Every structure is written in C-alpha cells, then in structure tokens.
N, C-alpha and C. Protein backbone atom coordinates (compact mmCIF):
# COMPACT_ATOMS: atom_id res chain seq x y z
N MET A 1 68.50 95.37 43.98
CA MET A 1 67.92 96.72 43.71
C MET A 1 67.90 97.37 44.83
N ILE A 2 68.30 98.73 44.89
CA ILE A 2 68.24 99.52 46.07
C ILE A 2 67.13 100.59 45.87
N GLU A 3 66.22 100.75 46.80
CA GLU A 3 65.15 101.73 46.78
C GLU A 3 65.52 102.98 47.54
N VAL A 4 65.37 104.26 47.01
CA VAL A 4 65.75 105.50 47.76
C VAL A 4 64.36 106.19 47.76
N PHE A 5 64.00 106.49 48.98
CA PHE A 5 62.87 107.23 49.09
C PHE A 5 63.18 108.82 49.21
N ASN A 6 62.55 109.60 48.49
CA ASN A 6 62.88 110.99 48.38
C ASN A 6 61.64 111.90 48.90
N HIS A 7 61.88 112.70 49.89
CA HIS A 7 60.80 113.44 50.30
C HIS A 7 61.10 114.95 49.83
N LEU A 8 60.10 115.46 49.09
CA LEU A 8 60.28 116.77 48.59
C LEU A 8 59.73 117.82 49.42
N GLY A 9 58.94 117.37 50.39
CA GLY A 9 58.28 118.49 51.28
C GLY A 9 57.11 119.14 50.62
N ILE A 10 56.38 118.51 49.61
CA ILE A 10 55.27 118.90 49.03
C ILE A 10 54.04 118.56 49.78
N SER A 11 53.12 119.30 50.03
CA SER A 11 51.96 118.95 50.78
C SER A 11 50.72 119.96 50.34
N VAL A 12 49.52 119.51 50.51
CA VAL A 12 48.47 120.23 50.23
C VAL A 12 47.77 120.59 51.35
N VAL A 13 47.40 121.96 51.67
CA VAL A 13 46.70 122.42 52.91
C VAL A 13 45.49 123.05 52.43
N THR A 14 44.43 122.30 53.27
CA THR A 14 43.08 123.00 52.94
C THR A 14 42.78 124.10 53.90
N PRO A 15 42.19 125.12 53.45
CA PRO A 15 41.95 126.30 54.34
C PRO A 15 40.80 125.93 55.34
N SER A 16 40.85 126.19 56.58
CA SER A 16 39.85 125.88 57.57
C SER A 16 38.44 126.52 57.02
N TRP A 17 38.35 127.68 56.39
CA TRP A 17 37.15 128.22 56.10
C TRP A 17 36.50 127.35 55.14
N LYS A 18 37.25 126.61 54.27
CA LYS A 18 36.68 125.69 53.22
C LYS A 18 36.03 124.58 53.85
N ILE A 19 36.79 124.00 54.90
CA ILE A 19 36.32 122.87 55.57
C ILE A 19 34.86 123.18 56.37
N GLY A 20 34.85 124.39 57.05
CA GLY A 20 33.78 124.90 57.61
C GLY A 20 32.50 125.09 56.67
N GLU A 21 32.84 125.65 55.35
CA GLU A 21 32.01 125.81 54.48
C GLU A 21 31.21 124.49 54.06
N ILE A 22 32.05 123.42 53.95
CA ILE A 22 31.54 122.09 53.61
C ILE A 22 30.70 121.66 54.69
N LEU A 23 31.19 121.56 55.88
CA LEU A 23 30.42 121.10 57.05
C LEU A 23 29.09 121.74 57.45
N MET A 24 29.16 123.05 57.08
CA MET A 24 27.83 123.90 57.43
C MET A 24 26.92 123.92 55.98
N GLY A 25 27.31 123.35 55.07
CA GLY A 25 26.59 123.43 53.75
C GLY A 25 25.22 122.85 53.95
N ASP A 26 24.26 122.95 52.98
CA ASP A 26 22.89 122.61 53.09
C ASP A 26 22.87 120.81 53.15
N LYS A 27 23.69 120.12 52.54
CA LYS A 27 23.58 118.75 52.31
C LYS A 27 24.00 118.00 53.71
N LEU A 28 24.98 118.56 54.37
CA LEU A 28 25.44 117.94 55.67
C LEU A 28 24.47 118.43 56.87
N THR A 29 24.10 119.62 56.80
CA THR A 29 23.17 120.22 57.81
C THR A 29 21.90 119.52 57.81
N LYS A 30 21.25 119.16 56.61
CA LYS A 30 20.07 118.34 56.58
C LYS A 30 20.27 116.93 57.09
N ALA A 31 21.34 116.50 56.66
CA ALA A 31 21.80 114.98 57.11
C ALA A 31 21.82 114.96 58.73
N ARG A 32 22.60 115.93 59.26
CA ARG A 32 22.69 115.97 60.80
C ARG A 32 21.41 116.18 61.45
N LYS A 33 20.42 116.98 60.86
CA LYS A 33 19.21 117.37 61.30
C LYS A 33 18.35 116.05 61.34
N LYS A 34 18.32 115.35 60.28
CA LYS A 34 17.56 114.05 60.17
C LYS A 34 18.10 113.00 61.10
N GLU A 35 19.28 112.84 61.18
CA GLU A 35 19.90 111.90 62.25
C GLU A 35 19.50 112.32 63.68
N TRP A 36 19.62 113.30 64.04
CA TRP A 36 19.32 114.05 65.27
C TRP A 36 17.78 113.55 65.66
N GLU A 37 16.76 113.91 64.67
CA GLU A 37 15.54 113.58 64.91
C GLU A 37 15.15 112.19 65.04
N GLU A 38 16.07 111.29 64.31
CA GLU A 38 15.75 109.89 64.31
C GLU A 38 16.22 109.34 65.62
N ARG A 39 17.37 109.94 66.33
CA ARG A 39 17.80 109.58 67.54
C ARG A 39 16.89 109.95 68.68
N GLN A 40 16.38 111.19 68.56
CA GLN A 40 15.40 111.60 69.57
C GLN A 40 14.36 110.69 69.83
N HIS A 41 13.86 109.94 68.80
CA HIS A 41 12.64 109.05 68.91
C HIS A 41 13.09 107.56 69.43
N SER A 42 14.37 107.29 69.51
CA SER A 42 14.86 105.92 69.96
C SER A 42 15.55 106.13 71.28
N ILE A 43 15.51 107.25 71.84
CA ILE A 43 16.19 107.35 73.22
C ILE A 43 15.50 106.75 74.29
N VAL A 44 16.06 105.89 75.08
CA VAL A 44 15.61 105.15 76.29
C VAL A 44 16.16 105.67 77.55
N PRO A 45 15.37 106.29 78.48
CA PRO A 45 16.26 106.66 79.76
C PRO A 45 17.14 105.57 80.35
N ALA A 46 18.30 106.03 80.70
CA ALA A 46 19.26 105.21 81.31
C ALA A 46 18.83 104.44 82.64
N ALA A 47 18.02 104.99 83.36
CA ALA A 47 17.57 104.38 84.59
C ALA A 47 16.26 103.42 84.37
N SER A 48 15.77 103.26 83.27
CA SER A 48 14.59 102.57 82.88
C SER A 48 14.86 100.94 83.51
N GLY A 49 16.07 100.34 83.36
CA GLY A 49 16.16 99.02 83.91
C GLY A 49 16.38 98.93 85.51
N ILE A 50 16.85 99.96 85.89
CA ILE A 50 17.06 100.00 87.39
C ILE A 50 15.70 99.68 88.27
N VAL A 51 14.75 100.32 87.64
CA VAL A 51 13.50 100.29 88.54
C VAL A 51 13.00 98.75 88.77
N ASP A 52 13.16 98.07 87.58
CA ASP A 52 12.73 96.61 87.94
C ASP A 52 13.45 95.90 88.79
N THR A 53 14.78 96.12 88.94
CA THR A 53 15.68 95.32 90.03
C THR A 53 15.24 95.82 91.26
N LEU A 54 14.88 96.93 91.54
CA LEU A 54 14.66 97.40 93.00
C LEU A 54 13.16 97.05 93.37
N ALA A 55 12.39 96.61 92.52
CA ALA A 55 10.89 96.26 92.73
C ALA A 55 10.81 95.22 93.79
N GLY A 56 11.81 94.34 93.99
CA GLY A 56 11.52 93.17 94.93
C GLY A 56 12.23 93.46 96.51
N ILE A 57 12.55 94.67 96.75
CA ILE A 57 13.21 94.95 98.09
C ILE A 57 12.38 96.01 98.66
N THR A 58 12.21 95.96 100.06
CA THR A 58 11.33 96.94 100.70
C THR A 58 12.46 97.89 101.38
N LYS A 59 11.99 98.90 101.91
CA LYS A 59 12.79 99.89 102.31
C LYS A 59 13.52 99.49 103.67
N GLU A 60 12.76 98.61 104.49
CA GLU A 60 13.58 98.10 105.64
C GLU A 60 14.67 97.16 105.32
N GLU A 61 14.59 96.22 104.25
CA GLU A 61 15.51 95.43 103.66
C GLU A 61 16.81 96.22 103.14
N PHE A 62 16.43 97.33 102.38
CA PHE A 62 17.41 98.18 101.94
C PHE A 62 18.33 98.76 102.96
N PHE A 63 17.52 99.29 104.13
CA PHE A 63 18.54 99.70 105.18
C PHE A 63 19.27 98.74 105.93
N ASP A 64 18.76 97.73 105.96
CA ASP A 64 19.18 96.58 106.74
C ASP A 64 20.70 96.19 106.05
N VAL A 65 20.49 95.90 104.55
CA VAL A 65 21.74 95.54 103.89
C VAL A 65 22.68 96.86 103.98
N LEU A 66 22.21 98.02 103.78
CA LEU A 66 23.04 99.17 103.86
C LEU A 66 23.83 99.24 105.16
N GLY A 67 23.13 98.96 106.21
CA GLY A 67 23.92 98.99 107.49
C GLY A 67 24.94 97.93 107.70
N ARG A 68 24.62 96.64 107.00
CA ARG A 68 25.64 95.61 107.04
C ARG A 68 26.93 95.98 106.14
N VAL A 69 26.73 96.58 105.15
CA VAL A 69 28.00 96.67 104.11
C VAL A 69 28.67 97.89 104.54
N SER A 70 28.08 98.96 105.26
CA SER A 70 28.78 100.11 105.53
C SER A 70 29.45 100.30 106.89
N ARG A 71 29.37 99.09 107.69
CA ARG A 71 30.02 98.97 108.99
C ARG A 71 31.42 98.60 108.70
N PRO A 72 32.59 99.10 109.56
CA PRO A 72 33.73 98.55 109.20
C PRO A 72 34.06 97.11 109.78
N GLN A 73 34.76 96.28 109.38
CA GLN A 73 34.91 95.06 109.69
C GLN A 73 35.67 95.07 111.10
N GLU A 74 35.22 94.22 112.13
CA GLU A 74 35.78 94.15 113.46
C GLU A 74 37.10 93.43 113.41
N ASP A 75 37.46 92.92 112.46
CA ASP A 75 38.68 92.04 112.46
C ASP A 75 39.93 92.95 112.27
N GLN A 76 39.65 94.11 111.76
CA GLN A 76 40.75 94.97 111.35
C GLN A 76 41.24 95.85 112.77
N PRO A 77 42.49 95.74 113.02
CA PRO A 77 43.04 96.42 114.19
C PRO A 77 42.88 97.94 114.06
N ASP A 78 42.73 98.49 115.21
CA ASP A 78 42.41 100.01 115.28
C ASP A 78 43.93 100.69 115.07
N GLU A 79 44.11 101.58 114.24
CA GLU A 79 45.30 102.29 113.92
C GLU A 79 45.99 103.12 115.14
N GLU A 80 44.99 103.41 115.96
CA GLU A 80 45.44 104.35 117.09
C GLU A 80 46.17 103.47 118.17
N SER A 81 45.43 102.09 118.43
CA SER A 81 45.94 101.32 119.44
C SER A 81 47.07 100.49 119.04
N SER A 82 47.61 100.43 117.81
CA SER A 82 48.80 99.64 117.46
C SER A 82 49.99 100.57 117.46
N GLU A 83 50.84 99.99 118.33
CA GLU A 83 52.20 100.76 118.59
C GLU A 83 53.19 100.02 117.70
N THR A 84 54.02 100.64 116.79
CA THR A 84 55.12 100.14 116.13
C THR A 84 56.32 100.76 116.23
C-alpha cells in the first residue's frame, strides 16, 4: 500500500488582537497578579549564602590570599626578553 501525503495549504490564523485580548483578560490578569504576589513573599536575596562563607576570614587573610593569586608566576618567561 502506497501512502500519498497531500498538502492543501489550508491553515488557521489567529489575529494578534484576539491573542492580546485573551492574555489581558480578567482571568489571566488575576492569575498573574496572584502568582506575582506569591513570588514576592518567597524571594531570598542571592547574596544571603555568601555572607556565611566569608565569616571565617579576616581582612588581613583576604589581602594575603589576594596578593598570592594575583601575582604572575615567576616560571613564565618574559615576552620582551625572548628572541625568536
């Protein structure tokens, strides 16, 4: 049995004003407002967990570690002195 697919070019187009009418209708607007209010009560600041991890380090220790990691390694040859 051979199947032949035929495309007649028929489609349904929904006008954009009708989609906007549905999205801005009372039912969906109330649902969005309710969800927004629920989310506002459950928001936790993103930096709240960072403060706990920094509690065990002093200012001097911080600058000591910063100085060690920000220095270039002495093993690397200087680009200006190498001639190729």
